[in-house]
C-alpha atoms as a PDB file:
ATOM      1  CA  UNK A   1      -1.834   6.521 -17.875  1.00  0.00           C
ATOM      2  CA  UNK A   2       0.973   8.653 -18.017  1.00  0.00           C
ATOM      3  CA  UNK A   3       4.489   6.776 -17.659  1.00  0.00           C
ATOM      4  CA  UNK A   4       6.832   8.251 -15.229  1.00  0.00           C
ATOM      5  CA  UNK A   5      11.219   7.807 -15.614  1.00  0.00           C
ATOM      6  CA  UNK A   6      12.946   6.603 -12.151  1.00  0.00           C
ATOM      7  CA  UNK A   7      15.937   8.898 -13.529  1.00  0.00           C
ATOM      8  CA  UNK A   8      18.016   8.489 -17.162  1.00  0.00           C
ATOM      9  CA  UNK A   9      18.608   4.612 -16.474  1.00  0.00           C
ATOM     10  CA  UNK A  10      14.951   3.335 -16.922  1.00  0.00           C
ATOM     11  CA  UNK A  11      16.075  -0.263 -15.553  1.00  0.00           C
ATOM     12  CA  UNK A  12      16.931   1.627 -11.679  1.00  0.00           C
ATOM     13  CA  UNK A  13      13.370   0.083 -10.960  1.00  0.00           C
ATOM     14  CA  UNK A  14      13.987  -3.334 -11.931  1.00  0.00           C
ATOM     15  CA  UNK A  15      17.730  -3.260 -10.071  1.00  0.00           C
ATOM     16  CA  UNK A  16      15.667  -1.607  -7.165  1.00  0.00           C
ATOM     17  CA  UNK A  17      13.707  -5.354  -7.354  1.00  0.00           C
ATOM     18  CA  UNK A  18      16.500  -7.505  -7.910  1.00  0.00           C
ATOM     19  CA  UNK A  19      18.447  -6.623  -5.591  1.00  0.00           C
ATOM     20  CA  UNK A  20      15.743  -5.998  -3.275  1.00  0.00           C
ATOM     21  CA  UNK A  21      16.778  -8.849   0.114  1.00  0.00           C
ATOM     22  CA  UNK A  22      12.799 -10.407  -0.620  1.00  0.00           C
ATOM     23  CA  UNK A  23      13.757 -11.366  -3.939  1.00  0.00           C
ATOM     24  CA  UNK A  24      14.686 -14.805  -5.064  1.00  0.00           C
ATOM     25  CA  UNK A  25      18.841 -14.619  -6.067  1.00  0.00           C
ATOM     26  CA  UNK A  26      17.570 -15.513  -9.979  1.00  0.00           C
ATOM     27  CA  UNK A  27      14.475 -13.953 -10.128  1.00  0.00           C
ATOM     28  CA  UNK A  28      14.849 -13.362 -13.940  1.00  0.00           C
ATOM     29  CA  UNK A  29      13.266 -10.295 -14.614  1.00  0.00           C
ATOM     30  CA  UNK A  30      15.645  -8.944 -17.044  1.00  0.00           C
ATOM     31  CA  UNK A  31      15.505 -11.792 -18.928  1.00  0.00           C
ATOM     32  CA  UNK A  32      11.529 -11.059 -19.692  1.00  0.00           C
ATOM     33  CA  UNK A  33      10.531 -11.233 -23.155  1.00  0.00           C
ATOM     34  CA  UNK A  34       6.846  -9.963 -23.374  1.00  0.00           C
ATOM     35  CA  UNK A  35       5.660 -13.153 -24.265  1.00  0.00           C
ATOM     36  CA  UNK A  36       2.610 -13.117 -21.979  1.00  0.00           C
ATOM     37  CA  UNK A  37       2.735 -16.467 -20.759  1.00  0.00           C
ATOM     38  CA  UNK A  38       1.897 -15.213 -17.036  1.00  0.00           C
ATOM     39  CA  UNK A  39      -0.981 -13.601 -18.397  1.00  0.00           C
ATOM     40  CA  UNK A  40      -2.819 -16.165 -20.251  1.00  0.00           C
ATOM     41  CA  UNK A  41      -2.576 -18.133 -16.797  1.00  0.00           C
ATOM     42  CA  UNK A  42      -2.718 -15.997 -14.106  1.00  0.00           C
ATOM     43  CA  UNK A  43      -6.013 -16.232 -12.437  1.00  0.00           C
ATOM     44  CA  UNK A  44      -6.214 -12.477 -11.498  1.00  0.00           C
ATOM     45  CA  UNK A  45      -5.545 -11.578 -14.834  1.00  0.00           C
ATOM     46  CA  UNK A  46      -8.832 -13.341 -15.238  1.00  0.00           C
ATOM     47  CA  UNK A  47     -10.922 -12.134 -13.015  1.00  0.00           C
ATOM     48  CA  UNK A  48      -9.821  -8.708 -12.769  1.00  0.00           C
ATOM     49  CA  UNK A  49      -7.810  -5.809 -14.376  1.00  0.00           C
ATOM     50  CA  UNK A  50      -4.493  -7.240 -12.947  1.00  0.00           C
ATOM     51  CA  UNK A  51      -1.571  -7.454 -15.894  1.00  0.00           C
ATOM     52  CA  UNK A  52       1.275  -9.362 -15.274  1.00  0.00           C
ATOM     53  CA  UNK A  53       3.171  -8.564 -18.288  1.00  0.00           C
ATOM     54  CA  UNK A  54       2.322  -5.417 -18.341  1.00  0.00           C
ATOM     55  CA  UNK A  55       3.264  -4.735 -14.665  1.00  0.00           C
ATOM     56  CA  UNK A  56       6.724  -6.138 -15.816  1.00  0.00           C
ATOM     57  CA  UNK A  57       7.226  -4.019 -18.718  1.00  0.00           C
ATOM     58  CA  UNK A  58       6.443  -0.764 -16.946  1.00  0.00           C
ATOM     59  CA  UNK A  59       9.224  -2.006 -14.527  1.00  0.00           C
ATOM     60  CA  UNK A  60      11.186  -2.358 -17.060  1.00  0.00           C
ATOM     61  CA  UNK A  61      10.263   1.040 -18.324  1.00  0.00           C
ATOM     62  CA  UNK A  62      11.850   2.613 -15.241  1.00  0.00           C
ATOM     63  CA  UNK A  63       7.512   3.840 -14.662  1.00  0.00           C
ATOM     64  CA  UNK A  64       6.926   4.380 -11.122  1.00  0.00           C
ATOM     65  CA  UNK A  65       3.473   4.970 -11.897  1.00  0.00           C
ATOM     66  CA  UNK A  66       3.130   1.082 -11.543  1.00  0.00           C
ATOM     67  CA  UNK A  67       3.956   1.539  -7.856  1.00  0.00           C
ATOM     68  CA  UNK A  68       0.867   3.344  -7.320  1.00  0.00           C
ATOM     69  CA  UNK A  69      -1.504   1.155  -9.617  1.00  0.00           C
ATOM     70  CA  UNK A  70      -4.471  -0.368  -7.731  1.00  0.00           C
ATOM     71  CA  UNK A  71      -4.407  -3.160  -9.875  1.00  0.00           C
ATOM     72  CA  UNK A  72      -1.065  -4.726  -8.549  1.00  0.00           C
ATOM     73  CA  UNK A  73      -3.400  -5.361  -5.139  1.00  0.00           C
ATOM     74  CA  UNK A  74      -5.272  -8.070  -6.868  1.00  0.00           C
ATOM     75  CA  UNK A  75      -2.853 -10.796  -7.397  1.00  0.00           C
ATOM     76  CA  UNK A  76      -3.028 -13.093  -4.633  1.00  0.00           C
ATOM     77  CA  UNK A  77       0.920 -14.898  -4.819  1.00  0.00           C
ATOM     78  CA  UNK A  78      -0.715 -18.296  -6.826  1.00  0.00           C
ATOM     79  CA  UNK A  79       2.907 -18.796  -8.321  1.00  0.00           C
ATOM     80  CA  UNK A  80       1.180 -19.915 -11.429  1.00  0.00           C
ATOM     81  CA  UNK A  81       2.503 -16.961 -13.651  1.00  0.00           C
ATOM     82  CA  UNK A  82       6.401 -18.435 -11.455  1.00  0.00           C
ATOM     83  CA  UNK A  83       5.716 -21.758 -12.686  1.00  0.00           C
ATOM     84  CA  UNK A  84       4.762 -21.367 -16.426  1.00  0.00           C
ATOM     85  CA  UNK A  85       7.892 -18.382 -17.392  1.00  0.00           C
ATOM     86  CA  UNK A  86      10.139 -19.380 -20.053  1.00  0.00           C
ATOM     87  CA  UNK A  87      12.594 -17.470 -18.630  1.00  0.00           C
ATOM     88  CA  UNK A  88      12.158 -18.303 -15.113  1.00  0.00           C
ATOM     89  CA  UNK A  89      10.569 -14.818 -14.523  1.00  0.00           C
ATOM     90  CA  UNK A  90       8.162 -14.319 -11.358  1.00  0.00           C
ATOM     91  CA  UNK A  91       5.858 -11.476 -12.062  1.00  0.00           C
ATOM     92  CA  UNK A  92       4.583 -12.986  -8.366  1.00  0.00           C
ATOM     93  CA  UNK A  93       7.682 -12.070  -6.570  1.00  0.00           C
ATOM     94  CA  UNK A  94       8.243  -8.365  -9.044  1.00  0.00           C
ATOM     95  CA  UNK A  95       4.656  -7.215  -7.652  1.00  0.00           C
ATOM     96  CA  UNK A  96       5.456  -8.630  -3.904  1.00  0.00           C
ATOM     97  CA  UNK A  97       8.589  -6.344  -4.015  1.00  0.00           C
ATOM     98  CA  UNK A  98       6.703  -3.736  -5.513  1.00  0.00           C
ATOM     99  CA  UNK A  99       3.970  -3.847  -2.762  1.00  0.00           C
ATOM    100  CA  UNK A 100       6.629  -3.663  -0.409  1.00  0.00           C
ATOM    101  CA  UNK A 101       8.600  -0.721  -2.129  1.00  0.00           C
ATOM    102  CA  UNK A 102       4.630   0.960  -2.436  1.00  0.00           C
ATOM    103  CA  UNK A 103       3.954   0.280   1.759  1.00  0.00           C
ATOM    104  CA  UNK A 104       7.376   1.890   2.270  1.00  0.00           C
ATOM    105  CA  UNK A 105       7.088   5.005   0.183  1.00  0.00           C
ATOM    106  CA  UNK A 106       3.421   5.545   2.083  1.00  0.00           C
ATOM    107  CA  UNK A 107       1.822   4.469  -1.629  1.00  0.00           C
ATOM    108  CA  UNK A 108      -0.470   1.432  -0.517  1.00  0.00           C
ATOM    109  CA  UNK A 109      -3.937   1.193  -1.187  1.00  0.00           C
ATOM    110  CA  UNK A 110      -7.003   0.977   0.808  1.00  0.00           C
ATOM    111  CA  UNK A 111      -6.897  -2.378  -0.506  1.00  0.00           C
ATOM    112  CA  UNK A 112      -4.662  -3.443   2.369  1.00  0.00           C
ATOM    113  CA  UNK A 113      -6.683  -2.061   5.045  1.00  0.00           C
ATOM    114  CA  UNK A 114      -8.944  -4.865   5.587  1.00  0.00           C
ATOM    115  CA  UNK A 115      -6.209  -7.477   6.011  1.00  0.00           C
ATOM    116  CA  UNK A 116      -4.902  -5.405   8.657  1.00  0.00           C
ATOM    117  CA  UNK A 117      -7.310  -7.768  10.718  1.00  0.00           C
ATOM    118  CA  UNK A 118      -5.715 -10.800   9.750  1.00  0.00           C
ATOM    119  CA  UNK A 119      -2.154  -9.446  10.868  1.00  0.00           C
ATOM    120  CA  UNK A 120      -3.567  -8.331  14.526  1.00  0.00           C
ATOM    121  CA  UNK A 121      -4.798 -12.009  14.836  1.00  0.00           C
ATOM    122  CA  UNK A 122      -1.574 -13.464  13.924  1.00  0.00           C
ATOM    123  CA  UNK A 123       0.152 -11.134  16.613  1.00  0.00           C
ATOM    124  CA  UNK A 124      -2.389 -12.039  19.346  1.00  0.00           C
ATOM    125  CA  UNK A 125      -2.370 -15.880  18.182  1.00  0.00           C
ATOM    126  CA  UNK A 126       0.989 -16.376  16.786  1.00  0.00           C
ATOM    127  CA  UNK A 127      -1.030 -18.036  14.056  1.00  0.00           C
ATOM    128  CA  UNK A 128      -2.888 -17.433  10.727  1.00  0.00           C
ATOM    129  CA  UNK A 129      -6.944 -17.244  11.825  1.00  0.00           C
ATOM    130  CA  UNK A 130     -10.367 -15.874  10.748  1.00  0.00           C
ATOM    131  CA  UNK A 131     -10.757 -12.239  12.061  1.00  0.00           C
ATOM    132  CA  UNK A 132     -14.018 -11.702  14.072  1.00  0.00           C
ATOM    133  CA  UNK A 133     -15.136  -9.004  11.396  1.00  0.00           C
ATOM    134  CA  UNK A 134     -15.380 -11.353   8.948  1.00  0.00           C
ATOM    135  CA  UNK A 135     -17.246 -14.215  10.484  1.00  0.00           C
ATOM    136  CA  UNK A 136     -20.832 -12.943   9.627  1.00  0.00           C
ATOM    137  CA  UNK A 137     -19.871 -12.790   6.115  1.00  0.00           C
ATOM    138  CA  UNK A 138     -18.439 -16.381   6.194  1.00  0.00           C
ATOM    139  CA  UNK A 139     -21.219 -17.896   8.095  1.00  0.00           C
ATOM    140  CA  UNK A 140     -23.651 -16.204   5.311  1.00  0.00           C
ATOM    141  CA  UNK A 141     -20.918 -17.512   2.619  1.00  0.00           C
ATOM    142  CA  UNK A 142     -20.879 -21.040   3.638  1.00  0.00           C
ATOM    143  CA  UNK A 143     -23.960 -21.717   5.831  1.00  0.00           C
ATOM    144  CA  UNK A 144     -25.050 -23.372   8.899  1.00  0.00           C
ATOM    145  CA  UNK A 145     -22.482 -26.362   8.614  1.00  0.00           C
ATOM    146  CA  UNK A 146     -19.638 -23.901   8.701  1.00  0.00           C
ATOM    147  CA  UNK A 147     -21.040 -22.476  12.048  1.00  0.00           C
ATOM    148  CA  UNK A 148     -21.156 -25.614  13.037  1.00  0.00           C
ATOM    149  CA  UNK A 149     -17.492 -26.721  12.241  1.00  0.00           C
ATOM    150  CA  UNK A 150     -16.504 -23.619  13.610  1.00  0.00           C
ATOM    151  CA  UNK A 151     -18.119 -24.390  17.219  1.00  0.00           C
ATOM    152  CA  UNK A 152     -16.832 -28.079  17.109  1.00  0.00           C
ATOM    153  CA  UNK A 153     -13.658 -27.507  15.955  1.00  0.00           C
ATOM    154  CA  UNK A 154     -11.760 -28.605  19.144  1.00  0.00           C
ATOM    155  CA  UNK A 155     -13.490 -31.764  19.616  1.00  0.00           C
ATOM    156  CA  UNK A 156     -13.013 -32.516  16.206  1.00  0.00           C
ATOM    157  CA  UNK A 157      -9.501 -31.884  16.634  1.00  0.00           C
ATOM    158  CA  UNK A 158      -9.134 -33.923  19.563  1.00  0.00           C
ATOM    159  CA  UNK A 159     -11.317 -36.949  18.252  1.00  0.00           C
ATOM    160  CA  UNK A 160      -8.771 -36.925  15.422  1.00  0.00           C
ATOM    161  CA  UNK A 161      -6.081 -37.136  17.378  1.00  0.00           C
ATOM    162  CA  UNK A 162      -4.332 -33.873  16.559  1.00  0.00           C
ATOM    163  CA  UNK A 163      -3.735 -32.197  19.285  1.00  0.00           C
ATOM    164  CA  UNK A 164      -4.827 -28.345  20.335  1.00  0.00           C
ATOM    165  CA  UNK A 165      -5.191 -26.007  18.000  1.00  0.00           C
ATOM    166  CA  UNK A 166      -3.791 -22.507  19.544  1.00  0.00           C
ATOM    167  CA  UNK A 167       0.232 -22.667  20.454  1.00  0.00           C
ATOM    168  CA  UNK A 168       1.612 -22.335  24.353  1.00  0.00           C
ATOM    169  CA  UNK A 169       1.340 -19.249  25.221  1.00  0.00           C
ATOM    170  CA  UNK A 170       4.872 -19.287  25.718  1.00  0.00           C
ATOM    171  CA  UNK A 171       5.267 -19.496  21.768  1.00  0.00           C
ATOM    172  CA  UNK A 172       2.991 -16.686  21.168  1.00  0.00           C
ATOM    173  CA  UNK A 173       5.115 -14.685  23.392  1.00  0.00           C
ATOM    174  CA  UNK A 174       8.005 -15.709  21.369  1.00  0.00           C
ATOM    175  CA  UNK A 175       6.616 -15.081  17.959  1.00  0.00           C
ATOM    176  CA  UNK A 176       5.394 -11.973  19.308  1.00  0.00           C
ATOM    177  CA  UNK A 177       8.631 -10.726  20.544  1.00  0.00           C
ATOM    178  CA  UNK A 178       9.666 -11.873  16.519  1.00  0.00           C
ATOM    179  CA  UNK A 179       7.161  -9.713  15.173  1.00  0.00           C
ATOM    180  CA  UNK A 180       7.791  -6.756  17.247  1.00  0.00           C
ATOM    181  CA  UNK A 181      11.620  -6.852  16.793  1.00  0.00           C
ATOM    182  CA  UNK A 182      10.927  -7.176  12.442  1.00  0.00           C
ATOM    183  CA  UNK A 183       8.534  -4.273  12.325  1.00  0.00           C
ATOM    184  CA  UNK A 184       5.406  -6.241  11.593  1.00  0.00           C
ATOM    185  CA  UNK A 185       3.397  -4.108  14.540  1.00  0.00           C
ATOM    186  CA  UNK A 186       4.517  -1.042  13.017  1.00  0.00           C
ATOM    187  CA  UNK A 187       3.817  -2.051   9.416  1.00  0.00           C
ATOM    188  CA  UNK A 188       0.724  -2.744  10.584  1.00  0.00           C
ATOM    189  CA  UNK A 189      -0.491  -0.184  12.436  1.00  0.00           C
ATOM    190  CA  UNK A 190       0.458   2.024   9.397  1.00  0.00           C
ATOM    191  CA  UNK A 191      -2.145  -0.202   7.773  1.00  0.00           C
ATOM    192  CA  UNK A 192      -4.560   0.352  10.240  1.00  0.00           C
ATOM    193  CA  UNK A 193      -4.034   3.967  10.245  1.00  0.00           C
ATOM    194  CA  UNK A 194      -4.264   4.205   6.825  1.00  0.00           C
ATOM    195  CA  UNK A 195      -0.786   6.095   5.511  1.00  0.00           C
ATOM    196  CA  UNK A 196      -1.855   5.434   2.392  1.00  0.00           C
END
């Protein structure tokens, strides 16, 4: 993979991540010693070509091609790397910011598109849920017990005294308004449209 520097300052990408509002106050990115602890405990690295140590190295070198690396999308934010880093870096957090930058620059990966349905459910229900297009696969994977559980979820919740599953309509409207004002709906439309 070829490396492209942003400009004469190879740390510009790292500084962009550090100063991103989504980054923790003390992300520790510039303290990375490339020990590889993050990669040694990363479940995504174990089961894919994703390599958190390599990702951080590329960021510190100013290699912008990291924004187009398909393997970035294999990180699922378990924060195991974050918990093990001896210098307080968070490859997971760096990854999240890189994905946001990639999205903002129109460099998102087609792996993001299937998650559109989760966002749509969130907008419509004001809470996370399983999109209808995944139900058949889940039923096949988890079997008839899961289907039975899903069909009887409301009576099960009532029996356990857990109350209603979905928030009141007023709450849905309030959360929907927040999502619209934050631009979440526009980002979701961009994902659906496939502007990547």
